[in-house]
Amino acid sequence: MGHAVKLWKVEWLFPPTLPAMHAATASKSASRAFSQLPALMRGGLTPRAHRRVREHIEARLDHRISIQELAGIAGLSMHHFARAFKRSEGVSPHNYLLHRRIQRARALLASSDVAISVIAVACGFSDQSHCARRFKERVGVTPGRYRWSMR
């Protein structure tokens, strides 16, 4: 019964093109239709809130950024924000923030001769050790090895 109700809701939003569509084809069509829904209709952030959160993260990447802070910018509770952000971005807010910090560290390592400890703090990591640990997890090599390979 639950499947029929879900399928009816999707068909109501996206009516099938063929009146006598087979059930398996209808199910595939429904899942495709769901993936094409805008993030807001799937429970994600509004485009404005999403843009504001991303801009805030970029502007304050070198600072400590809490989920409470980001939820306040989006105007949502922490739990609702985390769920909506993941639906919009595909990853949790923490993983997104970590990804952006690693990207900035990669850019700075490749383009400057600044000490790795300074780059770590400039990218928002608590210290060089934290940066090196997360960098190696995500990139596969240490920051020093990465810098050496980019020369």
N, C-alpha and C. Protein backbone atom coordinates (compact mmCIF):
# COMPACT_ATOMS: atom_id res chain seq x y z
N MET A 1 0.82 -1.19 0.00
CA MET A 1 0.00 0.00 0.00
C MET A 1 0.86 1.25 0.00
N GLY A 2 1.94 1.27 0.81
CA GLY A 2 2.79 2.45 0.90
C GLY A 2 3.45 2.78 -0.43
N HIS A 3 3.88 1.74 -1.16
CA HIS A 3 4.53 1.95 -2.45
C HIS A 3 3.55 2.58 -3.44
N ALA A 4 2.30 2.09 -3.41
CA ALA A 4 1.29 2.62 -4.33
C ALA A 4 1.01 4.08 -4.04
N VAL A 5 0.99 4.45 -2.77
CA VAL A 5 0.75 5.85 -2.41
C VAL A 5 1.90 6.72 -2.89
N LYS A 6 3.16 6.28 -2.66
CA LYS A 6 4.32 7.05 -3.11
C LYS A 6 4.32 7.19 -4.63
N LEU A 7 4.03 6.11 -5.33
CA LEU A 7 4.01 6.14 -6.78
C LEU A 7 2.92 7.08 -7.28
N TRP A 8 1.76 7.07 -6.62
CA TRP A 8 0.68 7.96 -7.01
C TRP A 8 1.10 9.42 -6.85
N LYS A 9 1.81 9.74 -5.76
CA LYS A 9 2.25 11.12 -5.53
C LYS A 9 3.21 11.56 -6.62
N VAL A 10 4.13 10.70 -7.00
CA VAL A 10 5.09 11.03 -8.04
C VAL A 10 4.38 11.18 -9.38
N GLU A 11 3.43 10.28 -9.66
CA GLU A 11 2.69 10.37 -10.91
C GLU A 11 1.83 11.63 -10.94
N TRP A 12 1.35 12.05 -9.78
CA TRP A 12 0.57 13.27 -9.73
C TRP A 12 1.44 14.47 -10.07
N LEU A 13 2.69 14.46 -9.57
CA LEU A 13 3.62 15.54 -9.90
C LEU A 13 4.11 15.44 -11.33
N PHE A 14 4.39 14.22 -11.78
CA PHE A 14 4.92 13.97 -13.11
C PHE A 14 4.09 12.87 -13.77
N PRO A 15 2.97 13.21 -14.40
CA PRO A 15 2.12 12.16 -14.98
C PRO A 15 2.87 11.39 -16.07
N PRO A 16 2.62 10.08 -16.15
CA PRO A 16 3.30 9.28 -17.17
C PRO A 16 2.86 9.69 -18.57
N THR A 17 3.77 9.57 -19.51
CA THR A 17 3.45 9.95 -20.88
C THR A 17 2.56 8.93 -21.56
N LEU A 18 2.70 7.65 -21.21
CA LEU A 18 1.88 6.59 -21.78
C LEU A 18 0.84 6.17 -20.74
N PRO A 19 -0.44 6.14 -21.10
CA PRO A 19 -1.47 5.82 -20.11
C PRO A 19 -1.34 4.42 -19.53
N ALA A 20 -0.92 3.45 -20.32
CA ALA A 20 -0.84 2.06 -19.83
C ALA A 20 0.60 1.69 -19.55
N MET A 21 1.30 2.49 -18.75
CA MET A 21 2.71 2.25 -18.45
C MET A 21 2.85 1.05 -17.51
N HIS A 22 3.80 0.17 -17.78
CA HIS A 22 4.04 -1.01 -16.96
C HIS A 22 4.56 -0.57 -15.59
N ALA A 23 4.29 -1.32 -14.53
CA ALA A 23 4.65 -0.94 -13.17
C ALA A 23 6.15 -0.75 -13.00
N ALA A 24 6.97 -1.64 -13.59
CA ALA A 24 8.42 -1.50 -13.46
C ALA A 24 8.91 -0.24 -14.15
N THR A 25 8.36 0.06 -15.30
CA THR A 25 8.73 1.27 -16.02
C THR A 25 8.30 2.50 -15.24
N ALA A 26 7.14 2.43 -14.61
CA ALA A 26 6.64 3.56 -13.81
C ALA A 26 7.57 3.80 -12.63
N SER A 27 8.06 2.74 -12.01
CA SER A 27 8.95 2.87 -10.87
C SER A 27 10.26 3.54 -11.29
N LYS A 28 10.83 3.11 -12.42
CA LYS A 28 12.06 3.73 -12.92
C LYS A 28 11.82 5.19 -13.26
N SER A 29 10.69 5.47 -13.88
CA SER A 29 10.34 6.83 -14.23
C SER A 29 10.21 7.69 -12.99
N ALA A 30 9.62 7.14 -11.95
CA ALA A 30 9.43 7.89 -10.71
C ALA A 30 10.77 8.21 -10.06
N SER A 31 11.70 7.26 -10.03
CA SER A 31 13.00 7.53 -9.41
C SER A 31 13.79 8.55 -10.23
N ARG A 32 13.68 8.51 -11.56
CA ARG A 32 14.32 9.51 -12.40
C ARG A 32 13.71 10.89 -12.16
N ALA A 33 12.40 10.92 -12.05
CA ALA A 33 11.70 12.19 -11.82
C ALA A 33 12.12 12.78 -10.49
N PHE A 34 12.28 11.94 -9.44
CA PHE A 34 12.69 12.42 -8.14
C PHE A 34 14.07 13.04 -8.20
N SER A 35 14.99 12.41 -8.91
CA SER A 35 16.35 12.94 -8.98
C SER A 35 16.42 14.25 -9.73
N GLN A 36 15.40 14.55 -10.54
CA GLN A 36 15.40 15.80 -11.29
C GLN A 36 14.67 16.92 -10.58
N LEU A 37 14.05 16.61 -9.43
CA LEU A 37 13.37 17.64 -8.67
C LEU A 37 14.37 18.65 -8.15
N PRO A 38 14.02 19.92 -8.08
CA PRO A 38 14.91 20.90 -7.47
C PRO A 38 15.18 20.53 -6.02
N ALA A 39 16.34 20.95 -5.51
CA ALA A 39 16.74 20.60 -4.15
C ALA A 39 15.69 21.02 -3.12
N LEU A 40 15.05 22.15 -3.31
CA LEU A 40 14.06 22.62 -2.36
C LEU A 40 12.89 21.66 -2.27
N MET A 41 12.43 21.12 -3.39
CA MET A 41 11.31 20.18 -3.37
C MET A 41 11.72 18.85 -2.74
N ARG A 42 12.99 18.52 -2.76
CA ARG A 42 13.47 17.28 -2.14
C ARG A 42 13.80 17.51 -0.67
N GLY A 43 13.66 18.72 -0.16
CA GLY A 43 13.97 19.00 1.23
C GLY A 43 15.30 19.68 1.41
N GLY A 44 15.89 20.21 0.37
CA GLY A 44 17.17 20.89 0.46
C GLY A 44 17.02 22.35 0.82
N LEU A 45 18.13 23.06 0.82
CA LEU A 45 18.13 24.50 1.11
C LEU A 45 17.55 25.28 -0.05
N THR A 46 17.01 26.43 0.24
CA THR A 46 16.59 27.32 -0.83
C THR A 46 17.83 27.80 -1.55
N PRO A 47 17.75 28.18 -2.81
CA PRO A 47 18.94 28.67 -3.52
C PRO A 47 19.60 29.84 -2.82
N ARG A 48 18.80 30.74 -2.26
CA ARG A 48 19.37 31.90 -1.56
C ARG A 48 20.13 31.48 -0.30
N ALA A 49 19.53 30.61 0.51
CA ALA A 49 20.18 30.14 1.73
C ALA A 49 21.44 29.35 1.39
N HIS A 50 21.37 28.52 0.36
CA HIS A 50 22.52 27.73 -0.07
C HIS A 50 23.68 28.65 -0.48
N ARG A 51 23.37 29.67 -1.27
CA ARG A 51 24.39 30.62 -1.71
C ARG A 51 24.99 31.37 -0.51
N ARG A 52 24.15 31.82 0.42
CA ARG A 52 24.65 32.56 1.57
C ARG A 52 25.55 31.70 2.46
N VAL A 53 25.18 30.45 2.66
CA VAL A 53 25.99 29.55 3.47
C VAL A 53 27.34 29.30 2.80
N ARG A 54 27.32 29.03 1.52
CA ARG A 54 28.58 28.78 0.80
C ARG A 54 29.48 30.02 0.80
N GLU A 55 28.89 31.20 0.62
CA GLU A 55 29.68 32.44 0.65
C GLU A 55 30.28 32.66 2.03
N HIS A 56 29.51 32.35 3.07
CA HIS A 56 30.01 32.51 4.44
C HIS A 56 31.18 31.56 4.70
N ILE A 57 31.05 30.34 4.24
CA ILE A 57 32.13 29.37 4.41
C ILE A 57 33.39 29.85 3.70
N GLU A 58 33.25 30.32 2.47
CA GLU A 58 34.41 30.80 1.71
C GLU A 58 35.07 32.00 2.39
N ALA A 59 34.26 32.91 2.91
CA ALA A 59 34.80 34.12 3.52
C ALA A 59 35.48 33.84 4.86
N ARG A 60 35.03 32.83 5.57
CA ARG A 60 35.56 32.56 6.91
C ARG A 60 36.21 31.18 7.00
N LEU A 61 36.76 30.70 5.92
CA LEU A 61 37.36 29.37 5.89
C LEU A 61 38.50 29.23 6.89
N ASP A 62 39.19 30.32 7.18
CA ASP A 62 40.32 30.27 8.10
C ASP A 62 39.90 30.37 9.57
N HIS A 63 38.61 30.47 9.83
CA HIS A 63 38.09 30.56 11.19
C HIS A 63 37.36 29.26 11.56
N ARG A 64 37.06 29.16 12.83
CA ARG A 64 36.24 28.04 13.30
C ARG A 64 34.81 28.34 12.88
N ILE A 65 34.18 27.42 12.20
CA ILE A 65 32.81 27.60 11.72
C ILE A 65 31.95 26.50 12.33
N SER A 66 30.93 26.89 13.08
CA SER A 66 30.07 25.90 13.73
C SER A 66 28.81 25.67 12.91
N ILE A 67 28.20 24.53 13.14
CA ILE A 67 26.96 24.23 12.44
C ILE A 67 25.84 25.16 12.92
N GLN A 68 25.93 25.60 14.18
CA GLN A 68 24.94 26.56 14.70
C GLN A 68 25.01 27.86 13.91
N GLU A 69 26.22 28.29 13.62
CA GLU A 69 26.43 29.52 12.85
C GLU A 69 25.83 29.40 11.45
N LEU A 70 26.10 28.28 10.79
CA LEU A 70 25.59 28.06 9.44
C LEU A 70 24.08 27.91 9.44
N ALA A 71 23.54 27.22 10.44
CA ALA A 71 22.09 27.06 10.54
C ALA A 71 21.41 28.41 10.75
N GLY A 72 22.05 29.28 11.54
CA GLY A 72 21.50 30.62 11.74
C GLY A 72 21.46 31.42 10.46
N ILE A 73 22.48 31.29 9.63
CA ILE A 73 22.52 31.99 8.34
C ILE A 73 21.39 31.49 7.44
N ALA A 74 21.14 30.19 7.47
CA ALA A 74 20.07 29.62 6.65
C ALA A 74 18.69 29.82 7.27
N GLY A 75 18.65 30.19 8.55
CA GLY A 75 17.37 30.39 9.22
C GLY A 75 16.67 29.09 9.57
N LEU A 76 17.46 28.06 9.90
CA LEU A 76 16.90 26.74 10.22
C LEU A 76 17.48 26.24 11.53
N SER A 77 16.85 25.22 12.10
CA SER A 77 17.43 24.56 13.27
C SER A 77 18.66 23.78 12.81
N MET A 78 19.52 23.42 13.76
CA MET A 78 20.74 22.70 13.39
C MET A 78 20.44 21.39 12.68
N HIS A 79 19.49 20.62 13.21
CA HIS A 79 19.17 19.33 12.63
C HIS A 79 18.58 19.49 11.22
N HIS A 80 17.64 20.40 11.08
CA HIS A 80 17.02 20.61 9.77
C HIS A 80 18.05 21.14 8.78
N PHE A 81 18.92 22.04 9.23
CA PHE A 81 19.95 22.58 8.35
C PHE A 81 20.89 21.47 7.86
N ALA A 82 21.36 20.63 8.77
CA ALA A 82 22.29 19.56 8.38
C ALA A 82 21.66 18.64 7.34
N ARG A 83 20.40 18.29 7.54
CA ARG A 83 19.71 17.42 6.59
C ARG A 83 19.49 18.13 5.24
N ALA A 84 19.07 19.39 5.29
CA ALA A 84 18.82 20.14 4.06
C ALA A 84 20.12 20.40 3.30
N PHE A 85 21.20 20.70 4.02
CA PHE A 85 22.49 20.94 3.37
C PHE A 85 22.97 19.68 2.66
N LYS A 86 22.83 18.55 3.33
CA LYS A 86 23.27 17.29 2.71
C LYS A 86 22.45 16.98 1.47
N ARG A 87 21.16 17.28 1.49
CA ARG A 87 20.33 17.06 0.30
C ARG A 87 20.73 18.00 -0.83
N SER A 88 21.11 19.22 -0.49
CA SER A 88 21.47 20.20 -1.51
C SER A 88 22.87 19.97 -2.07
N GLU A 89 23.81 19.66 -1.19
CA GLU A 89 25.21 19.59 -1.57
C GLU A 89 25.71 18.17 -1.81
N GLY A 90 25.04 17.19 -1.22
CA GLY A 90 25.44 15.80 -1.40
C GLY A 90 26.37 15.29 -0.33
N VAL A 91 26.86 16.16 0.54
CA VAL A 91 27.73 15.79 1.65
C VAL A 91 27.30 16.59 2.89
N SER A 92 27.72 16.12 4.05
CA SER A 92 27.38 16.83 5.28
C SER A 92 28.11 18.17 5.33
N PRO A 93 27.63 19.12 6.14
CA PRO A 93 28.33 20.40 6.25
C PRO A 93 29.79 20.24 6.68
N HIS A 94 30.05 19.33 7.60
CA HIS A 94 31.43 19.12 8.06
C HIS A 94 32.32 18.62 6.92
N ASN A 95 31.84 17.64 6.16
CA ASN A 95 32.63 17.13 5.04
C ASN A 95 32.84 18.19 3.96
N TYR A 96 31.83 19.01 3.73
CA TYR A 96 31.97 20.09 2.75
C TYR A 96 33.04 21.07 3.21
N LEU A 97 32.99 21.45 4.47
CA LEU A 97 33.97 22.39 5.02
C LEU A 97 35.38 21.80 4.95
N LEU A 98 35.51 20.55 5.31
CA LEU A 98 36.81 19.89 5.24
C LEU A 98 37.32 19.83 3.79
N HIS A 99 36.44 19.53 2.85
CA HIS A 99 36.80 19.49 1.44
C HIS A 99 37.31 20.86 0.96
N ARG A 100 36.60 21.91 1.33
CA ARG A 100 37.00 23.27 0.92
C ARG A 100 38.35 23.65 1.54
N ARG A 101 38.58 23.26 2.79
CA ARG A 101 39.87 23.56 3.44
C ARG A 101 41.01 22.82 2.75
N ILE A 102 40.78 21.58 2.39
CA ILE A 102 41.81 20.80 1.68
C ILE A 102 42.07 21.43 0.31
N GLN A 103 41.03 21.85 -0.40
CA GLN A 103 41.23 22.49 -1.70
C GLN A 103 42.07 23.76 -1.57
N ARG A 104 41.77 24.57 -0.56
CA ARG A 104 42.56 25.79 -0.37
C ARG A 104 44.00 25.45 -0.01
N ALA A 105 44.20 24.45 0.83
CA ALA A 105 45.56 24.04 1.19
C ALA A 105 46.32 23.56 -0.04
N ARG A 106 45.67 22.80 -0.90
CA ARG A 106 46.32 22.34 -2.14
C ARG A 106 46.75 23.52 -3.00
N ALA A 107 45.88 24.50 -3.13
CA ALA A 107 46.20 25.67 -3.95
C ALA A 107 47.38 26.43 -3.36
N LEU A 108 47.38 26.63 -2.05
CA LEU A 108 48.47 27.37 -1.41
C LEU A 108 49.78 26.58 -1.45
N LEU A 109 49.71 25.28 -1.28
CA LEU A 109 50.93 24.47 -1.34
C LEU A 109 51.54 24.50 -2.73
N ALA A 110 50.71 24.51 -3.75
CA ALA A 110 51.21 24.49 -5.12
C ALA A 110 51.72 25.86 -5.58
N SER A 111 51.22 26.93 -4.99
CA SER A 111 51.55 28.26 -5.51
C SER A 111 52.45 29.10 -4.63
N SER A 112 52.86 28.60 -3.47
CA SER A 112 53.68 29.43 -2.58
C SER A 112 54.74 28.60 -1.87
N ASP A 113 55.67 29.30 -1.25
CA ASP A 113 56.71 28.65 -0.46
C ASP A 113 56.49 28.88 1.03
N VAL A 114 55.29 29.28 1.40
CA VAL A 114 54.95 29.52 2.80
C VAL A 114 55.03 28.20 3.56
N ALA A 115 55.44 28.27 4.82
CA ALA A 115 55.56 27.07 5.66
C ALA A 115 54.22 26.34 5.76
N ILE A 116 54.28 25.04 5.81
CA ILE A 116 53.07 24.22 5.88
C ILE A 116 52.27 24.53 7.13
N SER A 117 52.95 24.83 8.23
CA SER A 117 52.23 25.17 9.46
C SER A 117 51.42 26.44 9.30
N VAL A 118 51.94 27.41 8.57
CA VAL A 118 51.22 28.66 8.32
C VAL A 118 50.03 28.41 7.39
N ILE A 119 50.24 27.59 6.38
CA ILE A 119 49.15 27.24 5.45
C ILE A 119 48.04 26.51 6.21
N ALA A 120 48.41 25.62 7.11
CA ALA A 120 47.42 24.86 7.88
C ALA A 120 46.51 25.80 8.66
N VAL A 121 47.10 26.76 9.34
CA VAL A 121 46.30 27.71 10.13
C VAL A 121 45.49 28.62 9.21
N ALA A 122 46.07 29.02 8.08
CA ALA A 122 45.36 29.89 7.13
C ALA A 122 44.16 29.20 6.49
N CYS A 123 44.17 27.88 6.48
CA CYS A 123 43.06 27.11 5.90
C CYS A 123 42.04 26.69 6.95
N GLY A 124 42.27 27.06 8.21
CA GLY A 124 41.29 26.77 9.26
C GLY A 124 41.55 25.52 10.06
N PHE A 125 42.65 24.85 9.84
CA PHE A 125 42.99 23.68 10.65
C PHE A 125 43.57 24.15 11.97
N SER A 126 43.41 23.35 13.02
CA SER A 126 43.87 23.77 14.34
C SER A 126 45.40 23.82 14.41
N ASP A 127 46.07 22.93 13.70
CA ASP A 127 47.53 22.95 13.66
C ASP A 127 48.02 22.13 12.46
N GLN A 128 49.34 22.07 12.30
CA GLN A 128 49.90 21.37 11.15
C GLN A 128 49.60 19.88 11.18
N SER A 129 49.60 19.29 12.35
CA SER A 129 49.33 17.87 12.47
C SER A 129 47.90 17.52 12.01
N HIS A 130 46.95 18.34 12.44
CA HIS A 130 45.56 18.13 12.02
C HIS A 130 45.44 18.25 10.51
N CYS A 131 46.08 19.26 9.95
CA CYS A 131 46.06 19.46 8.50
C CYS A 131 46.67 18.26 7.78
N ALA A 132 47.83 17.82 8.24
CA ALA A 132 48.52 16.71 7.58
C ALA A 132 47.70 15.43 7.62
N ARG A 133 47.07 15.18 8.76
CA ARG A 133 46.26 13.97 8.92
C ARG A 133 45.07 13.98 7.96
N ARG A 134 44.33 15.08 7.94
CA ARG A 134 43.16 15.19 7.06
C ARG A 134 43.57 15.25 5.59
N PHE A 135 44.67 15.94 5.31
CA PHE A 135 45.16 16.05 3.94
C PHE A 135 45.51 14.68 3.39
N LYS A 136 46.23 13.88 4.17
CA LYS A 136 46.62 12.55 3.71
C LYS A 136 45.41 11.64 3.54
N GLU A 137 44.42 11.76 4.43
CA GLU A 137 43.19 10.97 4.29
C GLU A 137 42.50 11.26 2.96
N ARG A 138 42.44 12.53 2.58
CA ARG A 138 41.67 12.95 1.40
C ARG A 138 42.47 12.90 0.11
N VAL A 139 43.74 13.28 0.16
CA VAL A 139 44.54 13.39 -1.06
C VAL A 139 45.40 12.15 -1.28
N GLY A 140 45.79 11.49 -0.21
CA GLY A 140 46.58 10.27 -0.34
C GLY A 140 48.06 10.47 -0.10
N VAL A 141 48.51 11.72 0.01
CA VAL A 141 49.91 12.02 0.31
C VAL A 141 49.95 13.13 1.36
N THR A 142 51.09 13.30 1.99
CA THR A 142 51.25 14.36 2.97
C THR A 142 51.35 15.72 2.26
N PRO A 143 51.09 16.82 2.98
CA PRO A 143 51.22 18.13 2.35
C PRO A 143 52.63 18.39 1.79
N GLY A 144 53.66 17.96 2.51
CA GLY A 144 55.03 18.15 2.02
C GLY A 144 55.29 17.40 0.72
N ARG A 145 54.83 16.17 0.64
CA ARG A 145 55.00 15.37 -0.57
C ARG A 145 54.20 15.97 -1.72
N TYR A 146 52.99 16.46 -1.39
CA TYR A 146 52.15 17.09 -2.42
C TYR A 146 52.86 18.32 -2.99
N ARG A 147 53.39 19.17 -2.10
CA ARG A 147 54.10 20.36 -2.56
C ARG A 147 55.28 19.97 -3.45
N TRP A 148 56.04 18.98 -3.03
CA TRP A 148 57.19 18.53 -3.80
C TRP A 148 56.78 18.01 -5.18
N SER A 149 55.66 17.30 -5.26
CA SER A 149 55.20 16.74 -6.54
C SER A 149 54.67 17.82 -7.49
N MET A 150 54.26 18.96 -6.94
CA MET A 150 53.72 20.03 -7.78
C MET A 150 54.80 20.92 -8.37
N ARG A 151 56.04 20.71 -8.03
CA ARG A 151 57.14 21.55 -8.54
C ARG A 151 57.71 21.02 -9.81
